[in-house]
N, C-alpha and C. Protein backbone atom coordinates (compact mmCIF):
# COMPACT_ATOMS: atom_id res chain seq x y z
N UNK A 1 34.58 0.97 -34.76
CA UNK A 1 33.16 0.63 -34.62
C UNK A 1 32.07 1.90 -34.12
N UNK A 2 31.02 1.67 -34.62
CA UNK A 2 30.05 2.58 -33.95
C UNK A 2 29.76 2.41 -32.75
N UNK A 3 29.03 3.36 -32.27
CA UNK A 3 28.44 3.17 -30.83
C UNK A 3 27.16 2.51 -31.06
N UNK A 4 26.72 1.46 -30.04
CA UNK A 4 25.68 0.88 -29.86
C UNK A 4 24.42 1.64 -29.37
N UNK A 5 23.29 1.47 -29.64
CA UNK A 5 22.30 2.22 -29.10
C UNK A 5 21.48 1.32 -27.74
N UNK A 6 21.64 1.85 -26.51
CA UNK A 6 21.13 0.82 -25.80
C UNK A 6 19.67 0.69 -25.86
N UNK A 7 18.86 -0.41 -25.42
CA UNK A 7 17.57 -0.88 -25.45
C UNK A 7 16.78 0.03 -24.66
N UNK A 8 15.71 0.39 -25.46
CA UNK A 8 14.80 1.01 -24.62
C UNK A 8 14.60 0.85 -23.16
N UNK A 9 14.72 -0.19 -22.89
CA UNK A 9 14.47 -0.77 -21.33
C UNK A 9 15.59 0.25 -20.49
N UNK A 10 16.79 -0.09 -21.06
CA UNK A 10 17.95 0.43 -20.30
C UNK A 10 17.93 2.03 -20.39
N UNK A 11 17.39 2.49 -21.52
CA UNK A 11 17.05 4.10 -21.82
C UNK A 11 15.94 4.60 -20.98
N UNK A 12 15.17 3.68 -20.82
CA UNK A 12 14.19 4.48 -19.64
C UNK A 12 14.55 4.44 -18.39
N UNK A 13 15.20 2.94 -18.04
CA UNK A 13 15.73 3.41 -16.53
C UNK A 13 16.74 4.66 -16.39
N UNK A 14 17.29 4.98 -17.50
CA UNK A 14 18.12 5.92 -17.30
C UNK A 14 17.38 7.21 -17.26
N UNK A 15 16.26 7.20 -17.92
CA UNK A 15 15.63 8.77 -17.99
C UNK A 15 14.59 8.62 -16.81
N UNK A 16 14.41 7.48 -15.98
CA UNK A 16 13.80 7.53 -15.00
C UNK A 16 14.72 8.02 -13.74
N UNK A 17 16.26 7.38 -13.61
CA UNK A 17 16.98 7.80 -12.77
C UNK A 17 17.31 9.21 -12.90
N UNK A 18 17.31 10.08 -14.27
CA UNK A 18 17.68 11.38 -14.34
C UNK A 18 16.48 12.36 -13.53
N UNK A 19 15.19 11.67 -13.12
CA UNK A 19 14.08 12.22 -12.68
C UNK A 19 14.46 12.22 -10.57
N UNK A 20 15.53 11.86 -10.58
CA UNK A 20 15.80 11.63 -9.00
C UNK A 20 15.66 12.58 -8.23
N UNK A 21 16.33 13.84 -8.73
CA UNK A 21 16.44 15.07 -7.91
C UNK A 21 14.78 15.53 -7.70
N UNK A 22 14.66 15.45 -9.05
CA UNK A 22 12.68 15.96 -8.72
C UNK A 22 11.81 15.25 -7.75
N UNK A 23 12.14 13.59 -7.86
CA UNK A 23 11.88 12.95 -6.76
C UNK A 23 11.86 12.81 -5.16
N UNK A 24 13.05 13.22 -5.02
CA UNK A 24 13.51 13.45 -3.71
C UNK A 24 12.78 15.07 -3.06
N UNK A 25 12.61 15.65 -4.14
CA UNK A 25 11.71 16.96 -3.64
C UNK A 25 10.52 16.68 -3.17
N UNK A 26 9.80 15.52 -3.59
CA UNK A 26 8.62 15.73 -3.40
C UNK A 26 8.15 14.80 -1.88
N UNK A 27 7.19 15.18 -1.30
CA UNK A 27 6.82 14.53 -0.11
C UNK A 27 6.64 12.90 -0.35
N UNK A 28 6.62 12.17 0.63
CA UNK A 28 6.48 10.72 0.74
C UNK A 28 5.15 9.92 -0.20
N UNK A 29 4.22 10.53 -0.14
CA UNK A 29 2.81 10.40 -0.89
C UNK A 29 3.10 10.40 -2.33
N UNK A 30 3.50 11.64 -2.57
CA UNK A 30 3.86 12.06 -3.86
C UNK A 30 4.97 11.31 -4.56
N UNK A 31 5.87 10.73 -3.89
CA UNK A 31 6.74 9.97 -4.36
C UNK A 31 6.27 8.50 -4.99
N UNK A 32 5.44 8.11 -4.19
CA UNK A 32 4.74 7.04 -4.44
C UNK A 32 3.94 6.70 -5.45
N UNK A 33 3.53 8.04 -5.96
CA UNK A 33 2.20 8.34 -7.08
C UNK A 33 3.58 8.65 -8.34
N UNK A 34 4.55 9.14 -8.02
CA UNK A 34 5.67 9.15 -9.22
C UNK A 34 6.18 8.05 -9.55
N UNK A 35 6.46 7.12 -8.42
CA UNK A 35 6.76 5.75 -8.56
C UNK A 35 5.89 4.68 -9.24
N UNK A 36 4.65 5.22 -8.91
CA UNK A 36 3.63 4.20 -9.72
C UNK A 36 3.58 4.40 -11.34
N UNK A 37 3.72 5.99 -11.40
CA UNK A 37 3.65 6.68 -13.11
C UNK A 37 4.78 5.86 -13.80
N UNK A 38 5.92 5.82 -12.99
CA UNK A 38 7.33 5.26 -13.51
C UNK A 38 7.14 3.95 -14.20
N UNK A 39 6.43 2.96 -13.25
CA UNK A 39 6.12 1.65 -13.04
C UNK A 39 5.00 1.50 -14.35
N UNK A 40 3.99 2.09 -14.57
CA UNK A 40 3.25 2.14 -15.81
C UNK A 40 3.89 2.25 -17.20
N UNK A 41 5.16 3.11 -17.15
CA UNK A 41 5.86 3.24 -18.07
C UNK A 41 6.75 2.16 -18.50
N UNK A 42 7.32 1.27 -17.32
CA UNK A 42 8.08 0.10 -17.63
C UNK A 42 7.04 -1.02 -18.23
N UNK A 43 5.64 -0.95 -17.65
CA UNK A 43 4.88 -1.92 -18.16
C UNK A 43 4.46 -1.61 -19.44
N UNK A 44 4.56 -0.76 -20.37
CA UNK A 44 4.47 -0.42 -21.90
C UNK A 44 5.72 -0.17 -22.32
N UNK A 45 7.03 -0.70 -21.79
CA UNK A 45 8.03 -0.64 -22.35
C UNK A 45 8.21 -0.94 -23.75
N UNK A 46 7.80 -2.10 -24.12
CA UNK A 46 7.66 -2.93 -25.47
C UNK A 46 6.91 -2.33 -26.32
N UNK A 47 5.76 -1.39 -26.03
CA UNK A 47 4.95 -0.48 -27.17
C UNK A 47 6.10 0.48 -27.35
N UNK A 48 6.64 1.23 -26.16
CA UNK A 48 7.33 2.78 -26.31
C UNK A 48 8.57 2.26 -27.59
N UNK A 49 9.25 0.79 -27.04
CA UNK A 49 10.40 0.72 -27.89
C UNK A 49 10.13 0.47 -29.38
N UNK A 50 8.84 -0.12 -29.46
CA UNK A 50 8.51 -0.24 -30.98
C UNK A 50 8.50 1.14 -31.87
N UNK A 51 7.93 2.07 -30.71
CA UNK A 51 7.42 3.28 -31.24
C UNK A 51 8.95 3.92 -32.11
N UNK A 52 9.84 3.79 -31.54
CA UNK A 52 11.27 4.36 -32.13
C UNK A 52 11.27 5.58 -31.94
N UNK A 53 11.17 6.25 -30.97
CA UNK A 53 11.11 7.75 -31.40
C UNK A 53 12.64 8.37 -30.52
N UNK A 54 13.17 9.02 -31.14
CA UNK A 54 14.86 9.71 -30.95
C UNK A 54 14.83 9.95 -29.38
N UNK A 55 13.56 10.96 -28.86
CA UNK A 55 13.74 11.23 -27.55
C UNK A 55 13.35 10.35 -26.34
N UNK A 56 13.91 9.99 -25.36
CA UNK A 56 13.21 8.83 -24.75
C UNK A 56 12.30 9.21 -24.11
N UNK A 57 12.16 10.30 -23.30
CA UNK A 57 11.02 10.97 -22.66
C UNK A 57 9.84 10.71 -23.42
N UNK A 58 9.96 10.86 -24.87
CA UNK A 58 8.51 10.80 -25.22
C UNK A 58 7.96 9.52 -25.11
N UNK A 59 8.67 8.32 -25.26
CA UNK A 59 8.07 6.90 -24.53
C UNK A 59 7.68 6.79 -23.41
N UNK A 60 8.64 7.69 -22.31
CA UNK A 60 7.94 7.24 -20.97
C UNK A 60 6.71 8.01 -21.05
N UNK A 61 6.38 9.36 -21.62
CA UNK A 61 5.58 10.13 -21.34
C UNK A 61 4.09 9.76 -21.83
N UNK A 62 4.37 8.77 -23.24
CA UNK A 62 3.12 8.53 -23.92
C UNK A 62 2.50 7.36 -23.45
N UNK A 63 3.61 6.24 -22.72
CA UNK A 63 3.30 5.39 -21.46
C UNK A 63 2.28 5.66 -20.62
N UNK A 64 2.80 6.63 -19.82
CA UNK A 64 2.13 7.15 -18.83
C UNK A 64 0.63 8.00 -19.12
N UNK A 65 0.76 8.72 -20.57
CA UNK A 65 -0.44 9.19 -20.80
C UNK A 65 -0.99 8.00 -20.89
N UNK A 66 -1.17 7.05 -21.59
CA UNK A 66 -1.78 5.92 -22.47
C UNK A 66 -2.49 5.37 -21.21
N UNK A 67 -1.75 4.89 -20.01
CA UNK A 67 -2.36 4.56 -18.99
C UNK A 67 -2.98 5.07 -18.20
N UNK A 68 -2.95 6.55 -18.44
CA UNK A 68 -4.05 7.37 -17.86
C UNK A 68 -5.35 7.52 -18.35
N UNK A 69 -5.08 7.43 -19.81
CA UNK A 69 -6.39 7.47 -20.64
C UNK A 69 -7.33 6.14 -20.56
N UNK A 70 -6.58 5.11 -20.31
CA UNK A 70 -7.48 3.85 -20.28
C UNK A 70 -7.92 3.70 -18.76
N UNK A 71 -7.20 4.32 -17.84
CA UNK A 71 -8.04 4.52 -16.41
C UNK A 71 -9.10 5.16 -16.62
N UNK A 72 -9.03 6.39 -17.25
CA UNK A 72 -10.02 7.48 -17.58
C UNK A 72 -11.42 6.65 -18.18
N UNK A 73 -10.75 6.11 -19.34
CA UNK A 73 -12.20 5.53 -20.27
C UNK A 73 -12.82 4.22 -19.12
N UNK A 74 -12.27 3.48 -18.32
CA UNK A 74 -12.67 2.50 -17.29
C UNK A 74 -13.48 3.25 -16.61
N UNK A 75 -13.24 4.43 -15.96
CA UNK A 75 -13.81 4.98 -15.15
C UNK A 75 -15.51 5.48 -15.75
N UNK A 76 -15.25 6.33 -16.83
CA UNK A 76 -16.21 6.53 -17.62
C UNK A 76 -17.30 5.54 -17.88
N UNK A 77 -16.85 4.41 -18.14
CA UNK A 77 -17.68 2.97 -18.57
C UNK A 77 -18.49 2.77 -17.35
N UNK A 78 -17.76 2.91 -15.91
CA UNK A 78 -18.18 2.41 -14.82
C UNK A 78 -19.25 3.26 -14.48
N UNK A 79 -18.94 4.83 -14.45
CA UNK A 79 -19.93 5.73 -14.24
C UNK A 79 -21.17 5.58 -14.97
N UNK A 80 -20.98 5.00 -16.26
CA UNK A 80 -22.27 5.22 -16.95
C UNK A 80 -22.94 4.05 -16.82
N UNK A 81 -22.45 2.89 -16.28
CA UNK A 81 -22.92 1.85 -15.77
C UNK A 81 -23.88 1.82 -14.54
N UNK A 82 -23.33 2.44 -13.82
CA UNK A 82 -23.93 3.02 -12.40
C UNK A 82 -25.02 4.08 -12.51
N UNK A 83 -24.96 5.02 -13.70
CA UNK A 83 -26.01 5.84 -14.17
C UNK A 83 -26.92 5.11 -14.56
N UNK A 84 -26.94 4.26 -15.42
CA UNK A 84 -28.04 3.52 -16.01
C UNK A 84 -28.84 2.44 -15.09
N UNK A 85 -28.03 2.03 -13.92
CA UNK A 85 -28.42 1.32 -12.89
C UNK A 85 -29.53 1.95 -11.97
N UNK A 86 -29.20 3.18 -11.62
CA UNK A 86 -29.67 4.25 -10.95
C UNK A 86 -31.00 4.75 -11.52
N UNK A 87 -31.09 4.73 -12.97
CA UNK A 87 -32.03 5.42 -13.57
C UNK A 87 -33.05 4.29 -13.72
N UNK A 88 -32.72 3.00 -13.87
CA UNK A 88 -33.62 1.88 -14.09
C UNK A 88 -34.26 1.60 -12.54
N UNK A 89 -33.53 2.20 -11.42
CA UNK A 89 -33.94 1.60 -10.13
C UNK A 89 -33.58 0.50 -9.66
N UNK A 90 -32.18 -0.07 -10.30
CA UNK A 90 -31.92 -1.28 -10.08
C UNK A 90 -30.76 -1.10 -9.18
């Protein structure tokens, strides 16, 4: 029998675990930020799994980049809304 391929969720956790030395070298505040980034990757695990990429880091990175892009877009919309409110005197 051939080897089975682990689910992306398991592969993701293995990839995150492989960054433990890097995580330990960070300060406490930076560790919290890194943990939050990894949590965002977990939140998009289904999408990353459906992408069927051979390198598991690609799914991890894309999930984190996508989350950052969504946040930036949300901030841009909020800033534009505030700019329009200020311009109209409201």
